[in-house]
Amino acid sequence: MSQPDVNQPDMNAIVGSHDLLLVTLDTLRYDVAAELAAEGRIPNLARHLPGGAWERRHAPGSFTYASHQAIFAGFLPTPAAQGPHPRLFAARFAGSESTAGGTWVHDTPDFVSALAGEGYRTVCVGGVGFFNKQPPLGSVLPGLFRESHWEPSFGVASPTSFESQVARAEEVVAGLPREERLFLFVNVSALHQPNWFHLPGATREAGDSRETHAAALEYVDRHIGRLFAAMSSRRPCFAIVCSDHGTAYGEDGFTGHRLGHEVVWTVPYAQFVLAGPEGGVAA
């Protein structure tokens, strides 16, 4: 078992008292995210990043399905330095080197079902195809949740995907009894290819690029404040915002992901508490 980390929150105190939000900015590269934060181009995200900057981490997988299977088992992106690094959530198993005093330990194979067992309403607002519930494979990840949502306007081909997802999340929050705890997961599809349409002047023929990827993150930033406001409207919310993997735009001859390259494995990560309606940090 790891030693306690003074920078790690005590998830045993947070689970049960806070709502929980996990946002995966699907395919977002660390270098692009860090650059935009430093240049003041994503102000709504940056104001919540500890120290105003993203943490550099390593993804648990090189594409959406693998990475999310690991994330839901408690293997969130790992700090990009030698560990072991204490985890926020961990299934109980002997010999775990990343379970610490502040880790919320559960007896289910994933923390989604464990939170449901603690009385949380678990809700997925899907984005990319692995969450669309159309083929059987697209039902595996959303099937972990008590409630899941997907429609074409949330998907990768929609230029308004994230604002549509946020609107659905707002509806979910508004429809819950105030006393019911919520774990909301949002898989943001806007960064995933195709993203050329987020950059004015870009064309389908020219395709995606690092610049259109950056424009997609600016688009997400313009709407994410609504999501944060909804999730902190009832009580304090513990939020995790991260990427599941990056993607290559020609580096060393590589394009795309599901491959072992630095721009794929290195991802941005942040965790923070959104104060509740009374401005406090506890329910």
Protein backbone atom coordinates (compact mmCIF):
# COMPACT_ATOMS: atom_id res chain seq x y z
CA MET A 1 0.00 0.00 0.00
CA SER A 2 1.23 3.50 -0.84
CA GLN A 3 2.00 6.04 1.83
CA PRO A 4 -0.50 8.90 2.18
CA ASP A 5 0.05 11.79 -0.23
CA VAL A 6 -0.50 15.22 1.31
CA ASN A 7 -1.73 16.49 -2.07
CA GLN A 8 -4.29 13.71 -2.47
CA PRO A 9 -7.83 14.46 -1.32
CA ASP A 10 -9.47 12.07 1.11
CA MET A 11 -11.97 10.41 -1.19
CA ASN A 12 -13.53 8.63 1.79
CA ALA A 13 -14.74 12.05 2.95
CA ILE A 14 -15.73 13.23 -0.53
CA VAL A 15 -17.77 10.18 -1.57
CA GLY A 16 -21.17 10.62 0.03
CA SER A 17 -20.83 14.35 0.70
CA HIS A 18 -20.13 15.66 -2.81
CA ASP A 19 -21.51 15.17 -6.26
CA LEU A 20 -18.88 13.80 -8.64
CA LEU A 21 -18.02 14.83 -12.21
CA LEU A 22 -15.66 13.07 -14.61
CA VAL A 23 -15.06 14.74 -17.96
CA THR A 24 -12.84 13.01 -20.51
CA LEU A 25 -11.78 15.39 -23.27
CA ASP A 26 -11.43 12.56 -25.76
CA THR A 27 -8.16 12.65 -27.76
CA LEU A 28 -6.87 15.93 -26.25
CA ARG A 29 -3.09 16.28 -26.44
CA TYR A 30 -1.17 17.56 -23.43
CA ASP A 31 1.01 19.96 -25.43
CA VAL A 32 -1.99 21.66 -27.03
CA ALA A 33 -3.87 21.89 -23.73
CA ALA A 34 -0.83 23.33 -21.91
CA GLU A 35 -0.14 25.83 -24.68
CA LEU A 36 -3.69 27.17 -24.73
CA ALA A 37 -3.82 27.48 -20.93
CA ALA A 38 -0.53 29.40 -20.89
CA GLU A 39 -1.73 31.74 -23.66
CA GLY A 40 -5.03 32.52 -21.92
CA ARG A 41 -7.08 30.89 -24.67
CA ILE A 42 -9.15 28.60 -22.40
CA PRO A 43 -10.11 30.91 -19.52
CA ASN A 44 -13.11 28.92 -18.27
CA LEU A 45 -11.01 25.79 -17.81
CA ALA A 46 -7.88 27.58 -16.64
CA ARG A 47 -9.59 29.30 -13.73
CA HIS A 48 -10.20 25.87 -12.20
CA LEU A 49 -6.81 24.31 -12.96
CA PRO A 50 -4.64 24.14 -9.82
CA GLY A 51 -2.06 26.87 -10.31
CA GLY A 52 -3.67 27.70 -13.65
CA ALA A 53 -1.91 24.81 -15.39
CA TRP A 54 -2.65 21.25 -16.44
CA GLU A 55 -0.87 18.38 -14.77
CA ARG A 56 1.18 16.26 -17.16
CA ARG A 57 0.16 12.61 -16.92
CA HIS A 58 0.39 9.33 -18.80
CA ALA A 59 -2.75 7.75 -20.23
CA PRO A 60 -3.71 4.20 -19.19
CA GLY A 61 -4.47 3.33 -22.83
CA SER A 62 -3.78 4.55 -26.34
CA PHE A 63 -7.39 4.68 -27.52
CA THR A 64 -10.82 5.35 -26.08
CA TYR A 65 -12.07 1.86 -25.23
CA ALA A 66 -8.92 0.63 -23.51
CA SER A 67 -8.35 3.85 -21.63
CA HIS A 68 -11.90 4.11 -20.31
CA GLN A 69 -11.99 0.49 -19.19
CA ALA A 70 -8.93 1.29 -17.08
CA ILE A 71 -10.26 4.65 -15.87
CA PHE A 72 -13.54 3.16 -14.64
CA ALA A 73 -11.52 0.52 -12.78
CA GLY A 74 -9.77 3.36 -10.94
CA PHE A 75 -6.66 3.64 -13.10
CA LEU A 76 -6.90 7.32 -13.97
CA PRO A 77 -4.05 8.88 -15.96
CA THR A 78 -0.86 8.49 -13.92
CA PRO A 79 1.47 11.38 -12.97
CA ALA A 80 4.38 11.46 -15.41
CA ALA A 81 7.02 10.69 -12.77
CA GLN A 82 8.17 7.60 -10.95
CA GLY A 83 5.55 6.29 -8.52
CA PRO A 84 3.83 4.57 -6.98
CA HIS A 85 1.13 7.23 -7.08
CA PRO A 86 -1.89 6.92 -4.75
CA ARG A 87 -5.17 6.49 -6.60
CA LEU A 88 -8.50 8.16 -5.88
CA PHE A 89 -10.53 4.98 -6.44
CA ALA A 90 -9.39 1.36 -6.20
CA ALA A 91 -11.01 -2.04 -6.28
CA ARG A 92 -9.97 -4.05 -3.26
CA PHE A 93 -7.17 -6.48 -4.07
CA ALA A 94 -4.18 -7.76 -2.16
CA GLY A 95 -0.81 -6.17 -2.77
CA SER A 96 -2.03 -2.94 -4.40
CA GLU A 97 0.84 -0.45 -4.38
CA SER A 98 -1.34 2.51 -5.37
CA THR A 99 -3.99 2.21 -2.64
CA ALA A 100 -3.43 4.78 0.12
CA GLY A 101 -5.25 6.16 3.13
CA GLY A 102 -7.22 8.64 1.04
CA THR A 103 -8.21 6.10 -1.60
CA TRP A 104 -11.88 5.13 -1.75
CA VAL A 105 -11.69 1.33 -1.82
CA HIS A 106 -14.62 -0.70 -3.14
CA ASP A 107 -15.52 -4.33 -3.70
CA THR A 108 -16.83 -4.06 -7.26
CA PRO A 109 -14.65 -4.24 -10.39
CA ASP A 110 -15.38 -0.60 -11.31
CA PHE A 111 -16.09 2.48 -9.25
CA VAL A 112 -19.18 3.34 -11.30
CA SER A 113 -21.13 0.39 -9.91
CA ALA A 114 -19.59 0.96 -6.48
CA LEU A 115 -20.89 4.53 -6.42
CA ALA A 116 -24.33 3.29 -7.47
CA GLY A 117 -24.19 0.97 -4.47
CA GLU A 118 -23.56 4.01 -2.28
CA GLY A 119 -26.74 5.64 -3.54
CA TYR A 120 -25.33 7.75 -6.36
CA ARG A 121 -27.28 8.25 -9.55
CA THR A 122 -24.68 7.24 -12.16
CA VAL A 123 -25.19 8.97 -15.50
CA CYS A 124 -23.20 8.81 -18.74
CA VAL A 125 -23.46 11.43 -21.47
CA GLY A 126 -21.59 9.77 -24.31
CA GLY A 127 -19.66 11.26 -27.19
CA VAL A 128 -17.51 9.08 -29.44
CA GLY A 129 -18.67 5.83 -31.00
CA PHE A 130 -17.74 3.61 -28.05
CA PHE A 131 -20.63 5.30 -26.18
CA ASN A 132 -23.28 5.38 -28.91
CA LYS A 133 -25.07 2.14 -27.83
CA GLN A 134 -25.61 1.13 -31.46
CA PRO A 135 -23.40 -1.97 -31.94
CA PRO A 136 -22.87 -4.25 -28.90
CA LEU A 137 -19.36 -2.84 -28.46
CA GLY A 138 -20.84 0.65 -28.17
CA SER A 139 -22.95 -0.52 -25.22
CA VAL A 140 -20.20 -1.91 -22.97
CA LEU A 141 -19.00 1.36 -21.41
CA PRO A 142 -22.38 3.13 -21.11
CA GLY A 143 -23.74 -0.16 -19.74
CA LEU A 144 -21.77 0.46 -16.54
CA PHE A 145 -24.11 3.35 -15.71
CA ARG A 146 -27.63 3.34 -14.35
CA GLU A 147 -28.59 5.94 -16.95
CA SER A 148 -26.88 6.71 -20.26
CA HIS A 149 -27.49 9.20 -23.05
CA TRP A 150 -26.29 9.42 -26.63
CA GLU A 151 -27.65 10.85 -29.85
CA PRO A 152 -26.05 11.91 -33.14
CA SER A 153 -25.83 15.55 -32.03
CA PHE A 154 -23.36 14.41 -29.30
CA GLY A 155 -21.06 12.61 -31.76
CA VAL A 156 -17.84 13.39 -33.55
CA ALA A 157 -19.50 14.62 -36.76
CA SER A 158 -21.52 17.35 -35.02
CA PRO A 159 -20.01 20.86 -34.93
CA THR A 160 -22.22 21.60 -31.90
CA SER A 161 -21.57 18.34 -30.05
CA PHE A 162 -20.41 19.74 -26.72
CA GLU A 163 -23.11 22.35 -26.28
CA SER A 164 -25.66 19.58 -27.01
CA GLN A 165 -24.03 17.36 -24.38
CA VAL A 166 -24.04 20.17 -21.84
CA ALA A 167 -27.73 20.83 -22.47
CA ARG A 168 -28.47 17.17 -21.74
CA ALA A 169 -26.37 17.29 -18.57
CA GLU A 170 -28.32 20.34 -17.41
CA GLU A 171 -31.56 18.43 -17.98
CA VAL A 172 -30.24 15.48 -15.95
CA VAL A 173 -29.28 17.69 -13.00
CA ALA A 174 -32.57 19.59 -13.10
CA GLY A 175 -34.56 16.35 -13.02
CA LEU A 176 -32.92 14.85 -9.94
CA PRO A 177 -34.32 15.05 -6.41
CA ARG A 178 -32.11 17.47 -4.51
CA GLU A 179 -31.11 14.87 -1.93
CA GLU A 180 -29.92 12.33 -4.51
CA ARG A 181 -26.16 12.27 -5.07
CA LEU A 182 -24.97 12.34 -8.70
CA PHE A 183 -21.96 10.92 -10.49
CA LEU A 184 -21.97 12.40 -13.99
CA PHE A 185 -19.57 11.25 -16.67
CA VAL A 186 -19.24 13.20 -19.92
CA ASN A 187 -17.15 11.91 -22.83
CA VAL A 188 -16.44 15.00 -24.94
CA SER A 189 -16.19 14.16 -28.63
CA ALA A 190 -15.29 17.61 -30.01
CA LEU A 191 -11.50 17.09 -29.96
CA HIS A 192 -11.70 13.77 -31.82
CA GLN A 193 -11.40 13.76 -35.58
CA PRO A 194 -13.03 15.29 -37.54
CA ASN A 195 -12.39 18.62 -35.87
CA TRP A 196 -11.52 20.82 -38.86
CA PHE A 197 -14.90 22.57 -38.68
CA HIS A 198 -14.01 24.26 -35.37
CA LEU A 199 -11.40 26.51 -37.05
CA PRO A 200 -12.81 29.32 -39.19
CA GLY A 201 -11.45 29.03 -42.72
CA ALA A 202 -10.42 25.38 -42.43
CA THR A 203 -11.78 22.96 -45.01
CA ARG A 204 -12.79 19.33 -45.14
CA GLU A 205 -10.30 18.81 -47.96
CA ALA A 206 -7.38 20.11 -45.88
CA GLY A 207 -8.52 17.97 -42.96
CA ASP A 208 -7.60 18.09 -39.30
CA SER A 209 -4.44 19.56 -37.86
CA ARG A 210 -2.91 20.58 -34.58
CA GLU A 211 -4.48 24.02 -35.15
CA THR A 212 -8.00 22.64 -35.64
CA HIS A 213 -7.47 20.45 -32.55
CA ALA A 214 -6.66 23.62 -30.58
CA ALA A 215 -9.72 25.38 -31.99
CA ALA A 216 -11.87 22.47 -30.81
CA LEU A 217 -10.56 22.92 -27.26
CA GLU A 218 -11.40 26.62 -27.41
CA TYR A 219 -14.91 25.64 -28.50
CA VAL A 220 -15.24 23.31 -25.51
CA ASP A 221 -14.00 26.03 -23.18
CA ARG A 222 -16.73 28.40 -24.34
CA HIS A 223 -19.41 26.03 -23.03
CA ILE A 224 -17.85 24.13 -20.12
CA GLY A 225 -18.76 26.82 -17.60
CA ARG A 226 -22.41 25.80 -17.97
CA LEU A 227 -21.51 22.22 -17.08
CA PHE A 228 -19.58 23.30 -13.99
CA ALA A 229 -22.44 25.57 -12.93
CA ALA A 230 -24.99 22.79 -13.24
CA MET A 231 -22.87 20.31 -11.30
CA SER A 232 -22.29 22.72 -8.42
CA SER A 233 -25.88 23.95 -8.26
CA ARG A 234 -26.99 21.50 -5.56
CA ARG A 235 -23.90 20.87 -3.43
CA PRO A 236 -20.10 20.89 -3.78
CA CYS A 237 -18.82 18.79 -6.65
CA PHE A 238 -15.49 16.99 -6.91
CA ALA A 239 -14.45 17.25 -10.57
CA ILE A 240 -11.88 15.42 -12.68
CA VAL A 241 -11.15 16.77 -16.15
CA CYS A 242 -8.64 14.88 -18.25
CA SER A 243 -7.88 13.32 -21.60
CA ASP A 244 -8.02 9.60 -22.24
CA HIS A 245 -5.23 9.70 -24.85
CA GLY A 246 -3.70 12.11 -27.33
CA THR A 247 -3.34 11.88 -31.08
CA ALA A 248 -0.64 12.43 -33.69
CA TYR A 249 -0.72 14.94 -36.52
CA GLY A 250 2.31 13.76 -38.49
CA GLU A 251 4.91 13.55 -35.71
CA ASP A 252 7.60 11.05 -36.74
CA GLY A 253 5.34 9.98 -39.60
CA PHE A 254 2.43 9.01 -37.32
CA THR A 255 -1.17 10.12 -37.66
CA GLY A 256 -3.98 9.22 -35.26
CA HIS A 257 -3.80 7.14 -32.08
CA ARG A 258 -3.84 3.52 -30.88
CA LEU A 259 -0.08 3.69 -31.23
CA GLY A 260 2.85 4.18 -28.88
CA HIS A 261 4.02 7.76 -29.33
CA GLU A 262 4.70 10.53 -26.80
CA VAL A 263 1.87 12.72 -28.12
CA VAL A 264 -0.57 9.81 -27.62
CA TRP A 265 0.56 8.70 -24.17
CA THR A 266 0.96 12.16 -22.62
CA VAL A 267 -2.30 13.77 -21.51
CA PRO A 268 -3.56 16.74 -19.47
CA TYR A 269 -5.21 16.14 -16.10
CA ALA A 270 -6.84 18.28 -13.40
CA GLN A 271 -8.90 17.63 -10.28
CA PHE A 272 -10.61 20.28 -8.19
CA VAL A 273 -13.68 21.02 -6.07
CA LEU A 274 -16.49 23.17 -7.41
CA ALA A 275 -18.02 25.02 -4.47
CA GLY A 276 -21.70 24.42 -3.90
CA PRO A 277 -24.46 27.05 -3.91
CA GLU A 278 -23.54 28.22 -0.42
CA GLY A 279 -19.88 28.53 -1.39
CA GLY A 280 -18.82 25.73 0.92
CA VAL A 281 -16.84 22.57 0.36
CA ALA A 282 -19.06 20.09 2.15
CA ALA A 283 -22.68 19.08 1.75
